[in-house]
Amino acid sequence: MNADSNDPRASVWLAVAKLCSEDETSSGVSYSPTFVEALSHVVYAQAETMGGDLECFAKHARRTKISVDDVKLCARRNGALHKQLEDIAESTSAKPNK
């Protein structure tokens, strides 16, 4: 994969490759280039699906902007992730805008 292009797929591949490399260093597990490529495709496809869902949730609520509530709605079936998103939303909404 050509990571130098402006293609979002290349950016996803670069991020996944970096995370795998960091995990290799800390855990000692080795990831093949084929695995990194496959995982990149899965992450990209999931992001596309989630993006479409977020747009639909906002449109259903008659909004033109995607909100934090839309993101939390995407995570509703994953209790741990939903809780993390709620905690992050709560902590960021408590901070004053600069």
Foldseek 3Di string as FASTA:
>chain_A
DPLPDPDVLSVLLVVLVVVQVVCCVVPVDDDDPVRSNVVSVVVVVVVVVLVVQQCVVCVVVVHPDRDLVSVLVVCVVPVVVSVVSVVVVVVVVPDDDD
